[in-house]
């Protein structure tokens, strides 16, 4: 979904005082109550295959000239060879026509927003059929990968099947259906191609659960990415997780970060939005590398220990609305991509990153990915294989906690050790545009290592020294990586 940034708390309180009188009537009470729900955390078990997995976002409509499921399927062997584990498919549902969004400046065909769904139990005919999707899932599983679907629980398009058949499923404000409203402040979004669903209606909750169950039963998908998960009451996620786990163990990703309780309610992972912004700020010289310690302390204090973040330098929102890797990170793009895959949580690869995607893809109009760019498949293969084989980088409690390695240049160089069951990874990152002569301190890291990117055996003695080029990164594993 296109990014809707939250307003500062002080402003939100003032604005909500005005909007509550006109935009938050009694029929909207469930959404406002979602900030402090009463619910019991389910005892869900994360599937074993998640422990050392990575994730790849699939923008099917822009992946090929035809933009369909069958064309994407041809890429599966390549993605498997690169080391991809979880394929997250952007919404596969038919798209509504009413208030359909298009880019004014685009000359290509308008395809609308994939997040303005018509029917949550159908496949968009522009990308294929139900049989095509079943065949795709079967092939993904045959290759040893997993697949999750993008679900849009907060809203549908204005002329959706539910709007026609079940208007009682939707929020009304002063007797009128409404675009989604941010429950944190009562302010309407600009998602004017969509209408907000009402979680105060038990029948709507049952229908949403049924739609989730449908794709597991019909196609054997392995979980979901939940769009704008913070706009849905937290207690619903607990209800959903219990229902889905009765069918099969699933993996759940929340597109949200501001409600840590979601990681208790049913999600393994949420978005690392906060740190994504921090990485861009460091790349632009607005923050220094030592800020990462402050971020980690704050983040670990507020989040439950079993959950983790998805970290990224690109995704569909960032690429389309905020900028390419080059626009967002300048010369630091590779460094922060490596950092996102090693320092904490699970790293994301967005469609086309492995081909050096260097343009903003239109969100509402056809805009095919250019696959002729410089290949970064080997770059990603080394990162993903490292995670597969070294327990230090595994997800959540299965991996090792980050231990800071101090240097003589902590404001510009960030270094860490992660360790689990004897496996160790050391990372050294020059987060500046200047060459750095860096010296380690501390006693937790010395030993024999292997450079992950060139394979060379590299001893790291006490007081190890490094001559680092601008934005240079080094990653070491205490065991050789087998490709």
Protein backbone atom coordinates (compact mmCIF):
# COMPACT_ATOMS: atom_id res chain seq x y z
CA UNK A 1 0.00 0.00 0.00
CA UNK A 2 1.22 3.49 -0.69
CA UNK A 3 2.92 4.90 2.36
CA UNK A 4 0.83 6.92 4.82
CA UNK A 5 3.16 8.41 7.41
CA UNK A 6 1.87 8.90 10.93
CA UNK A 7 1.62 12.49 12.24
CA UNK A 8 3.57 13.49 15.31
CA UNK A 9 1.80 12.58 18.53
CA UNK A 10 1.25 16.13 19.70
CA UNK A 11 -0.31 17.16 16.41
CA UNK A 12 -2.36 13.99 16.29
CA UNK A 13 -3.94 14.70 19.66
CA UNK A 14 -5.00 18.18 18.60
CA UNK A 15 -6.33 17.02 15.24
CA UNK A 16 -8.20 14.09 16.75
CA UNK A 17 -10.05 16.45 19.06
CA UNK A 18 -11.56 18.06 15.97
CA UNK A 19 -12.14 14.94 13.92
CA UNK A 20 -13.69 12.83 16.68
CA UNK A 21 -16.83 14.96 16.54
CA UNK A 22 -17.43 14.35 12.87
CA UNK A 23 -15.40 11.38 11.75
CA UNK A 24 -15.47 8.92 14.63
CA UNK A 25 -19.08 8.10 15.50
CA UNK A 26 -20.15 5.08 17.51
CA UNK A 27 -20.00 2.78 14.46
CA UNK A 28 -16.28 3.46 14.30
CA UNK A 29 -15.55 2.57 17.93
CA UNK A 30 -13.77 -0.73 17.24
CA UNK A 31 -11.05 0.98 15.24
CA UNK A 32 -10.41 3.62 17.90
CA UNK A 33 -10.36 0.97 20.59
CA UNK A 34 -7.75 -1.03 18.69
CA UNK A 35 -5.02 1.07 20.26
CA UNK A 36 -5.73 -0.51 23.66
CA UNK A 37 -7.50 -3.82 22.99
CA UNK A 38 -8.47 -6.51 25.47
CA UNK A 39 -7.38 -9.86 24.13
CA UNK A 40 -5.47 -13.02 25.01
CA UNK A 41 -2.25 -13.76 23.17
CA UNK A 42 -2.53 -17.07 21.28
CA UNK A 43 0.11 -19.74 21.74
CA UNK A 44 1.18 -19.89 18.10
CA UNK A 45 4.23 -21.77 16.90
CA UNK A 46 6.42 -20.37 14.14
CA UNK A 47 7.06 -22.91 11.36
CA UNK A 48 10.56 -24.43 11.60
CA UNK A 49 11.45 -23.36 8.05
CA UNK A 50 11.31 -19.69 9.06
CA UNK A 51 14.35 -19.77 11.35
CA UNK A 52 16.97 -18.97 8.69
CA UNK A 53 14.73 -17.69 5.91
CA UNK A 54 14.89 -14.54 3.82
CA UNK A 55 12.08 -12.87 1.88
CA UNK A 56 11.65 -11.60 -1.70
CA UNK A 57 8.81 -9.31 -2.78
CA UNK A 58 7.22 -10.19 -6.13
CA UNK A 59 5.63 -7.37 -8.12
CA UNK A 60 3.97 -9.69 -10.64
CA UNK A 61 2.34 -6.96 -12.74
CA UNK A 62 5.68 -5.24 -13.41
CA UNK A 63 7.83 -8.38 -13.51
CA UNK A 64 7.41 -9.05 -17.23
CA UNK A 65 5.87 -7.65 -20.39
CA UNK A 66 2.74 -9.72 -19.85
CA UNK A 67 2.78 -9.13 -16.11
CA UNK A 68 1.18 -12.47 -15.33
CA UNK A 69 1.68 -15.51 -13.12
CA UNK A 70 2.96 -17.79 -15.88
CA UNK A 71 5.64 -15.30 -16.93
CA UNK A 72 6.82 -14.94 -13.35
CA UNK A 73 6.98 -18.72 -12.92
CA UNK A 74 9.80 -18.85 -15.48
CA UNK A 75 11.99 -16.96 -12.98
CA UNK A 76 11.60 -19.46 -10.14
CA UNK A 77 14.73 -21.53 -10.90
CA UNK A 78 16.80 -18.35 -10.99
CA UNK A 79 15.42 -17.17 -7.64
CA UNK A 80 15.99 -20.60 -6.09
CA UNK A 81 19.60 -20.56 -7.31
CA UNK A 82 20.05 -17.12 -5.73
CA UNK A 83 18.97 -18.55 -2.38
CA UNK A 84 15.49 -17.03 -2.00
CA UNK A 85 13.26 -18.71 0.59
CA UNK A 86 9.95 -16.85 0.95
CA UNK A 87 8.20 -15.34 -2.06
CA UNK A 88 5.75 -12.60 -1.06
CA UNK A 89 3.27 -12.03 -3.88
CA UNK A 90 1.77 -8.55 -4.05
CA UNK A 91 -2.08 -8.67 -4.18
CA UNK A 92 -3.40 -11.13 -6.74
CA UNK A 93 -7.07 -10.12 -6.50
CA UNK A 94 -9.25 -8.46 -9.18
CA UNK A 95 -9.11 -4.65 -9.03
CA UNK A 96 -12.07 -2.30 -8.72
CA UNK A 97 -12.89 0.24 -11.41
CA UNK A 98 -14.67 2.94 -9.39
CA UNK A 99 -12.23 5.73 -8.40
CA UNK A 100 -9.44 3.72 -10.01
CA UNK A 101 -6.12 5.52 -9.70
CA UNK A 102 -3.79 6.28 -12.60
CA UNK A 103 -0.63 8.38 -12.91
CA UNK A 104 -1.38 11.60 -14.80
CA UNK A 105 2.09 11.76 -16.35
CA UNK A 106 2.30 8.09 -17.34
CA UNK A 107 1.72 7.16 -20.98
CA UNK A 108 1.44 3.41 -20.38
CA UNK A 109 -1.72 1.45 -19.63
CA UNK A 110 -3.43 2.29 -16.33
CA UNK A 111 -3.67 -0.87 -14.20
CA UNK A 112 -4.85 0.75 -10.94
CA UNK A 113 -3.82 -0.13 -7.42
CA UNK A 114 -3.49 -3.80 -6.53
CA UNK A 115 -4.65 -2.78 -3.04
CA UNK A 116 -8.14 -1.74 -4.21
CA UNK A 117 -9.48 -5.29 -4.32
CA UNK A 118 -12.79 -6.37 -5.83
CA UNK A 119 -12.98 -9.93 -4.44
CA UNK A 120 -10.67 -11.50 -1.87
CA UNK A 121 -11.49 -15.01 -3.13
CA UNK A 122 -10.64 -14.55 -6.81
CA UNK A 123 -7.57 -14.10 -9.01
CA UNK A 124 -7.17 -10.96 -11.12
CA UNK A 125 -7.80 -12.19 -14.70
CA UNK A 126 -5.12 -9.78 -15.93
CA UNK A 127 -2.47 -11.89 -14.18
CA UNK A 128 -3.96 -15.36 -14.64
CA UNK A 129 -6.37 -17.93 -13.26
CA UNK A 130 -6.82 -19.87 -10.07
CA UNK A 131 -5.22 -22.89 -11.78
CA UNK A 132 -2.24 -20.71 -12.72
CA UNK A 133 -1.82 -19.72 -9.09
CA UNK A 134 -2.13 -23.30 -7.89
CA UNK A 135 0.52 -24.40 -10.39
CA UNK A 136 2.80 -21.57 -9.27
CA UNK A 137 2.49 -22.51 -5.60
CA UNK A 138 3.13 -26.16 -6.43
CA UNK A 139 6.29 -25.28 -8.36
CA UNK A 140 7.50 -22.98 -5.56
CA UNK A 141 7.07 -25.79 -3.06
CA UNK A 142 8.72 -28.32 -5.36
CA UNK A 143 11.79 -26.08 -5.43
CA UNK A 144 11.88 -25.94 -1.63
CA UNK A 145 10.63 -22.35 -1.32
CA UNK A 146 7.55 -20.92 0.41
CA UNK A 147 4.92 -18.37 -0.68
CA UNK A 148 2.85 -15.82 1.19
CA UNK A 149 0.04 -13.69 -0.20
CA UNK A 150 -0.48 -9.98 0.33
CA UNK A 151 -3.84 -9.45 2.04
CA UNK A 152 -5.65 -6.11 2.38
CA UNK A 153 -7.71 -6.42 5.57
CA UNK A 154 -8.55 -2.74 6.10
CA UNK A 155 -10.44 -1.94 2.90
CA UNK A 156 -11.71 -2.90 -0.53
CA UNK A 157 -12.34 -0.86 -3.66
CA UNK A 158 -15.55 1.17 -3.89
CA UNK A 159 -17.38 -1.18 -6.27
CA UNK A 160 -16.19 -4.40 -4.66
CA UNK A 161 -18.24 -7.56 -4.36
CA UNK A 162 -18.69 -6.93 -0.64
CA UNK A 163 -19.79 -3.33 -1.17
CA UNK A 164 -22.55 -4.65 -3.43
CA UNK A 165 -23.53 -7.70 -1.38
CA UNK A 166 -22.61 -6.71 2.17
CA UNK A 167 -22.59 -2.93 2.65
CA UNK A 168 -22.90 -3.60 6.37
CA UNK A 169 -19.26 -4.71 6.32
CA UNK A 170 -18.10 -1.10 5.86
CA UNK A 171 -17.51 1.82 8.20
CA UNK A 172 -19.96 4.69 7.83
CA UNK A 173 -19.36 8.28 8.90
CA UNK A 174 -22.47 10.45 9.15
CA UNK A 175 -24.33 7.86 7.08
CA UNK A 176 -21.71 7.65 4.32
CA UNK A 177 -19.02 5.11 3.53
CA UNK A 178 -15.51 6.44 4.03
CA UNK A 179 -11.96 6.12 2.86
CA UNK A 180 -9.69 4.50 5.48
CA UNK A 181 -9.18 6.57 8.62
CA UNK A 182 -6.03 6.38 10.72
CA UNK A 183 -7.14 4.99 14.11
CA UNK A 184 -4.24 6.73 15.87
CA UNK A 185 -5.54 10.21 15.11
CA UNK A 186 -8.91 10.01 13.34
CA UNK A 187 -7.56 11.58 10.16
CA UNK A 188 -8.67 10.38 6.74
CA UNK A 189 -6.07 8.95 4.38
CA UNK A 190 -5.81 9.91 0.72
CA UNK A 191 -6.57 6.35 -0.39
CA UNK A 192 -9.67 7.53 -2.20
CA UNK A 193 -9.91 4.42 -4.36
CA UNK A 194 -10.79 2.37 -1.27
CA UNK A 195 -13.53 2.10 1.38
CA UNK A 196 -12.84 1.13 4.99
CA UNK A 197 -14.06 -2.14 6.51
CA UNK A 198 -15.76 -2.22 9.92
CA UNK A 199 -14.25 -4.62 12.46
CA UNK A 200 -17.07 -3.80 14.88
CA UNK A 201 -19.14 -6.22 12.77
CA UNK A 202 -18.57 -9.89 13.72
CA UNK A 203 -19.78 -10.96 10.29
CA UNK A 204 -16.98 -8.94 8.64
CA UNK A 205 -14.41 -10.58 10.88
CA UNK A 206 -15.73 -14.01 9.95
CA UNK A 207 -15.60 -13.13 6.24
CA UNK A 208 -12.00 -11.93 6.49
CA UNK A 209 -10.98 -15.13 8.27
CA UNK A 210 -12.82 -17.18 5.66
CA UNK A 211 -10.98 -15.39 2.83
CA UNK A 212 -7.63 -16.12 4.48
CA UNK A 213 -8.56 -19.77 4.98
CA UNK A 214 -9.67 -20.04 1.36
CA UNK A 215 -6.20 -19.53 -0.11
CA UNK A 216 -4.59 -21.95 2.33
CA UNK A 217 -7.16 -24.65 1.62
CA UNK A 218 -7.40 -24.01 -2.12
CA UNK A 219 -3.77 -23.25 -3.01
CA UNK A 220 -1.73 -24.32 0.04
CA UNK A 221 -0.09 -20.91 0.56
CA UNK A 222 2.19 -20.60 3.59
CA UNK A 223 1.06 -17.35 5.19
CA UNK A 224 0.31 -13.69 4.64
CA UNK A 225 1.67 -10.19 4.54
CA UNK A 226 -1.03 -7.97 6.07
CA UNK A 227 -1.33 -4.51 4.56
CA UNK A 228 -1.58 -1.53 7.00
CA UNK A 229 -2.00 -3.97 9.88
CA UNK A 230 -2.23 -1.14 12.41
CA UNK A 231 -5.59 -0.04 11.00
CA UNK A 232 -7.10 -3.35 12.18
CA UNK A 233 -7.85 -4.07 15.87
CA UNK A 234 -5.05 -6.07 17.48
CA UNK A 235 -7.45 -8.60 19.00
CA UNK A 236 -8.50 -9.62 15.49
CA UNK A 237 -4.97 -10.76 14.67
CA UNK A 238 -5.06 -13.15 17.62
CA UNK A 239 -8.42 -14.46 16.40
CA UNK A 240 -7.09 -14.90 12.86
CA UNK A 241 -3.88 -16.65 13.88
CA UNK A 242 -5.73 -19.26 15.93
CA UNK A 243 -8.05 -19.97 13.00
CA UNK A 244 -5.25 -20.29 10.42
CA UNK A 245 -3.00 -22.46 12.56
CA UNK A 246 -5.84 -24.99 12.78
CA UNK A 247 -5.40 -25.47 9.02
CA UNK A 248 -1.58 -25.43 8.86
CA UNK A 249 1.30 -23.60 10.56
CA UNK A 250 1.66 -20.22 8.85
CA UNK A 251 4.11 -17.32 8.70
CA UNK A 252 2.68 -13.83 9.23
CA UNK A 253 4.17 -10.43 8.33
CA UNK A 254 2.61 -7.16 9.53
CA UNK A 255 3.02 -4.01 7.50
CA UNK A 256 3.27 -2.01 10.70
CA UNK A 257 5.72 -1.29 13.49
CA UNK A 258 4.04 1.09 15.94
CA UNK A 259 2.04 -1.61 17.75
CA UNK A 260 4.59 -4.10 19.19
CA UNK A 261 1.75 -6.18 20.67
CA UNK A 262 1.02 -7.45 17.17
CA UNK A 263 4.09 -9.67 17.56
CA UNK A 264 2.31 -11.36 20.47
CA UNK A 265 -1.05 -11.44 18.72
CA UNK A 266 -0.02 -13.54 15.76
CA UNK A 267 2.83 -12.09 13.70
CA UNK A 268 6.38 -13.38 13.49
CA UNK A 269 7.68 -10.24 11.81
CA UNK A 270 6.77 -6.61 11.20
CA UNK A 271 8.24 -3.80 9.13
CA UNK A 272 11.46 -2.05 10.12
CA UNK A 273 10.16 1.35 8.98
CA UNK A 274 11.95 3.22 11.76
CA UNK A 275 15.37 1.86 10.95
CA UNK A 276 14.83 2.20 7.22
CA UNK A 277 14.51 5.95 7.79
CA UNK A 278 17.54 5.87 10.06
CA UNK A 279 19.66 4.16 7.41
CA UNK A 280 18.73 6.84 4.88
CA UNK A 281 19.56 9.54 7.42
CA UNK A 282 23.00 8.03 8.05
CA UNK A 283 23.62 7.73 4.30
CA UNK A 284 22.80 11.43 3.91
CA UNK A 285 24.98 12.50 6.83
CA UNK A 286 22.01 13.51 8.97
CA UNK A 287 22.83 10.92 11.65
CA UNK A 288 26.06 9.22 12.67
CA UNK A 289 26.74 5.50 12.86
CA UNK A 290 26.68 5.40 16.65
CA UNK A 291 22.99 6.29 16.57
CA UNK A 292 22.40 2.61 15.75
CA UNK A 293 23.15 1.74 19.38
CA UNK A 294 20.43 4.13 20.54
CA UNK A 295 17.98 2.66 18.05
CA UNK A 296 18.70 -0.93 19.11
CA UNK A 297 18.33 -0.15 22.81
CA UNK A 298 14.99 1.57 22.21
CA UNK A 299 13.76 -1.13 19.85
CA UNK A 300 14.63 -4.09 22.07
CA UNK A 301 13.05 -2.39 25.09
CA UNK A 302 9.63 -2.06 23.46
CA UNK A 303 9.33 -5.24 21.38
CA UNK A 304 8.71 -8.82 22.55
CA UNK A 305 11.86 -10.96 22.22
CA UNK A 306 10.44 -13.64 19.93
CA UNK A 307 9.49 -11.28 17.09
CA UNK A 308 11.70 -9.45 14.64
CA UNK A 309 11.67 -6.79 11.93
CA UNK A 310 11.90 -7.04 8.17
CA UNK A 311 14.70 -4.70 7.13
CA UNK A 312 15.02 -3.31 3.62
CA UNK A 313 16.52 -0.68 1.38
CA UNK A 314 13.73 -1.01 -1.21
CA UNK A 315 10.15 -2.26 -1.38
CA UNK A 316 7.20 -1.36 -3.61
CA UNK A 317 6.28 1.71 -1.55
CA UNK A 318 9.81 3.02 -1.18
CA UNK A 319 10.68 2.49 -4.82
CA UNK A 320 7.52 4.01 -6.29
CA UNK A 321 6.95 6.90 -3.91
CA UNK A 322 10.26 7.81 -2.24
CA UNK A 323 13.06 6.83 -4.59
CA UNK A 324 15.36 4.23 -6.05
CA UNK A 325 18.26 2.74 -4.11
CA UNK A 326 20.54 5.39 -5.59
CA UNK A 327 18.16 8.24 -4.78
CA UNK A 328 17.69 7.10 -1.20
CA UNK A 329 21.20 5.96 -0.31
CA UNK A 330 23.58 7.48 -2.83
CA UNK A 331 26.86 5.55 -2.87
CA UNK A 332 25.88 3.72 0.32
CA UNK A 333 23.25 1.49 -1.28
CA UNK A 334 25.22 -1.75 -1.20
CA UNK A 335 26.52 -1.11 2.30
CA UNK A 336 23.07 -0.65 3.79
CA UNK A 337 21.69 -3.58 1.82
CA UNK A 338 24.33 -5.79 3.41
CA UNK A 339 23.69 -4.23 6.81
CA UNK A 340 19.94 -4.85 6.51
CA UNK A 341 20.64 -8.54 5.85
CA UNK A 342 23.12 -9.07 8.69
CA UNK A 343 22.67 -6.85 11.74
CA UNK A 344 19.16 -7.79 12.88
CA UNK A 345 15.93 -9.40 11.71
CA UNK A 346 15.18 -10.65 8.19
CA UNK A 347 16.36 -8.93 5.02
CA UNK A 348 14.03 -8.18 2.09
CA UNK A 349 14.87 -8.16 -1.61
CA UNK A 350 12.47 -6.26 -3.86
CA UNK A 351 11.77 -7.31 -7.45
CA UNK A 352 14.56 -6.11 -9.72
CA UNK A 353 17.15 -5.34 -7.03
CA UNK A 354 19.12 -8.33 -8.25
CA UNK A 355 19.29 -6.63 -11.67
CA UNK A 356 20.31 -3.21 -10.37
CA UNK A 357 16.80 -1.69 -10.62
CA UNK A 358 17.49 2.02 -11.08
CA UNK A 359 14.08 3.56 -11.78
CA UNK A 360 10.92 4.28 -9.82
CA UNK A 361 8.26 1.88 -11.05
CA UNK A 362 4.84 3.41 -11.62
CA UNK A 363 2.41 2.16 -9.00
CA UNK A 364 -0.83 2.54 -10.96
CA UNK A 365 0.42 2.14 -14.55
CA UNK A 366 2.24 -0.58 -16.41
CA UNK A 367 6.01 -0.17 -15.98
CA UNK A 368 8.02 -3.31 -16.69
CA UNK A 369 11.21 -4.02 -14.76
CA UNK A 370 14.34 -3.77 -16.90
CA UNK A 371 16.21 -7.04 -16.36
CA UNK A 372 19.20 -6.01 -18.49
CA UNK A 373 20.88 -4.07 -15.69
CA UNK A 374 24.08 -5.17 -13.94
CA UNK A 375 23.47 -8.48 -12.21
CA UNK A 376 23.71 -8.52 -8.44
CA UNK A 377 22.58 -12.13 -8.17
CA UNK A 378 25.98 -13.28 -6.86
CA UNK A 379 26.01 -10.44 -4.32
CA UNK A 380 22.64 -11.56 -2.93
CA UNK A 381 23.49 -15.25 -3.17
CA UNK A 382 26.44 -14.73 -0.83
CA UNK A 383 24.30 -12.83 1.67
CA UNK A 384 21.46 -15.34 1.62
CA UNK A 385 23.74 -18.39 1.79
CA UNK A 386 25.56 -16.87 4.77
CA UNK A 387 22.25 -16.65 6.61
CA UNK A 388 21.31 -20.20 5.70
CA UNK A 389 24.55 -21.65 7.02
CA UNK A 390 25.57 -19.44 9.95
CA UNK A 391 23.24 -19.62 12.96
CA UNK A 392 24.43 -16.24 14.23
CA UNK A 393 22.21 -14.55 11.61
CA UNK A 394 19.11 -16.66 12.09
CA UNK A 395 15.81 -14.96 12.84
CA UNK A 396 14.48 -14.00 16.26
CA UNK A 397 15.53 -16.15 19.20
CA UNK A 398 17.07 -18.70 16.79
CA UNK A 399 19.87 -16.21 16.01
CA UNK A 400 22.52 -14.40 17.98
CA UNK A 401 22.06 -11.02 19.60
CA UNK A 402 24.12 -8.15 18.23
CA UNK A 403 27.22 -7.36 20.30
CA UNK A 404 28.82 -4.00 19.55
CA UNK A 405 32.53 -3.97 18.69
CA UNK A 406 33.85 -0.55 19.56
CA UNK A 407 36.38 1.16 17.33
CA UNK A 408 38.38 4.37 17.36
CA UNK A 409 35.81 5.81 14.90
CA UNK A 410 32.42 4.84 16.32
CA UNK A 411 30.64 7.85 14.84
CA UNK A 412 31.58 6.76 11.32
CA UNK A 413 32.29 3.03 11.51
CA UNK A 414 29.80 0.52 12.89
CA UNK A 415 31.08 -2.93 13.81
CA UNK A 416 29.41 -5.86 15.48
CA UNK A 417 29.67 -9.52 16.41
CA UNK A 418 26.74 -11.92 16.34
CA UNK A 419 27.21 -15.40 17.83
CA UNK A 420 25.03 -18.47 18.23
CA UNK A 421 26.01 -22.04 19.17
CA UNK A 422 29.63 -21.39 18.21
CA UNK A 423 28.79 -19.73 14.89
CA UNK A 424 30.07 -16.17 14.59
CA UNK A 425 29.64 -13.30 12.14
CA UNK A 426 31.60 -10.04 12.33
CA UNK A 427 30.55 -7.00 10.34
CA UNK A 428 32.55 -3.82 9.69
CA UNK A 429 30.78 -0.91 7.96
CA UNK A 430 32.30 2.45 7.06
CA UNK A 431 29.15 4.57 7.16
CA UNK A 432 30.83 7.66 5.82
CA UNK A 433 32.07 9.20 2.60
CA UNK A 434 35.66 9.35 3.92
CA UNK A 435 38.40 6.71 4.09
CA UNK A 436 38.78 5.35 7.61
CA UNK A 437 41.68 3.78 9.49
CA UNK A 438 39.79 1.69 12.01
CA UNK A 439 41.00 -0.23 15.05
CA UNK A 440 38.85 -2.72 16.98
CA UNK A 441 38.74 -2.91 20.76
CA UNK A 442 37.29 -5.60 23.01
CA UNK A 443 37.94 -9.32 23.42
CA UNK A 444 34.81 -11.06 22.16
CA UNK A 445 35.67 -11.38 18.47
CA UNK A 446 39.30 -12.58 17.89
CA UNK A 447 39.74 -15.79 15.89
CA UNK A 448 39.95 -17.27 12.41
CA UNK A 449 37.34 -16.03 9.96
CA UNK A 450 36.52 -16.10 6.26
CA UNK A 451 35.63 -13.05 4.20
CA UNK A 452 32.10 -13.74 3.00
CA UNK A 453 32.48 -11.87 -0.29
CA UNK A 454 35.88 -13.13 -1.47
CA UNK A 455 36.14 -16.38 0.52
CA UNK A 456 39.63 -15.60 1.80
CA UNK A 457 40.66 -16.87 5.22
CA UNK A 458 41.13 -13.79 7.40
CA UNK A 459 42.39 -13.94 11.00
CA UNK A 460 40.99 -11.21 13.25
CA UNK A 461 43.46 -10.61 16.09
CA UNK A 462 42.97 -8.44 19.14
CA UNK A 463 43.01 -4.77 18.13
CA UNK A 464 42.33 -5.71 14.51
CA UNK A 465 43.00 -2.90 12.07
CA UNK A 466 41.17 -2.06 8.83
CA UNK A 467 41.78 0.50 6.10
CA UNK A 468 38.31 1.19 4.78
CA UNK A 469 37.32 3.00 1.62
CA UNK A 470 34.28 5.32 1.69
CA UNK A 471 31.14 3.24 2.27
CA UNK A 472 33.15 0.01 2.33
CA UNK A 473 31.80 -3.01 4.19
CA UNK A 474 33.42 -6.25 5.32
CA UNK A 475 31.58 -9.33 6.60
CA UNK A 476 33.37 -12.29 8.15
CA UNK A 477 32.13 -15.76 9.11
CA UNK A 478 34.06 -18.05 11.43
CA UNK A 479 33.21 -20.95 9.15
CA UNK A 480 33.57 -21.10 5.37
CA UNK A 481 30.35 -20.72 3.41
CA UNK A 482 29.52 -23.55 0.99
CA UNK A 483 27.83 -22.37 -2.20
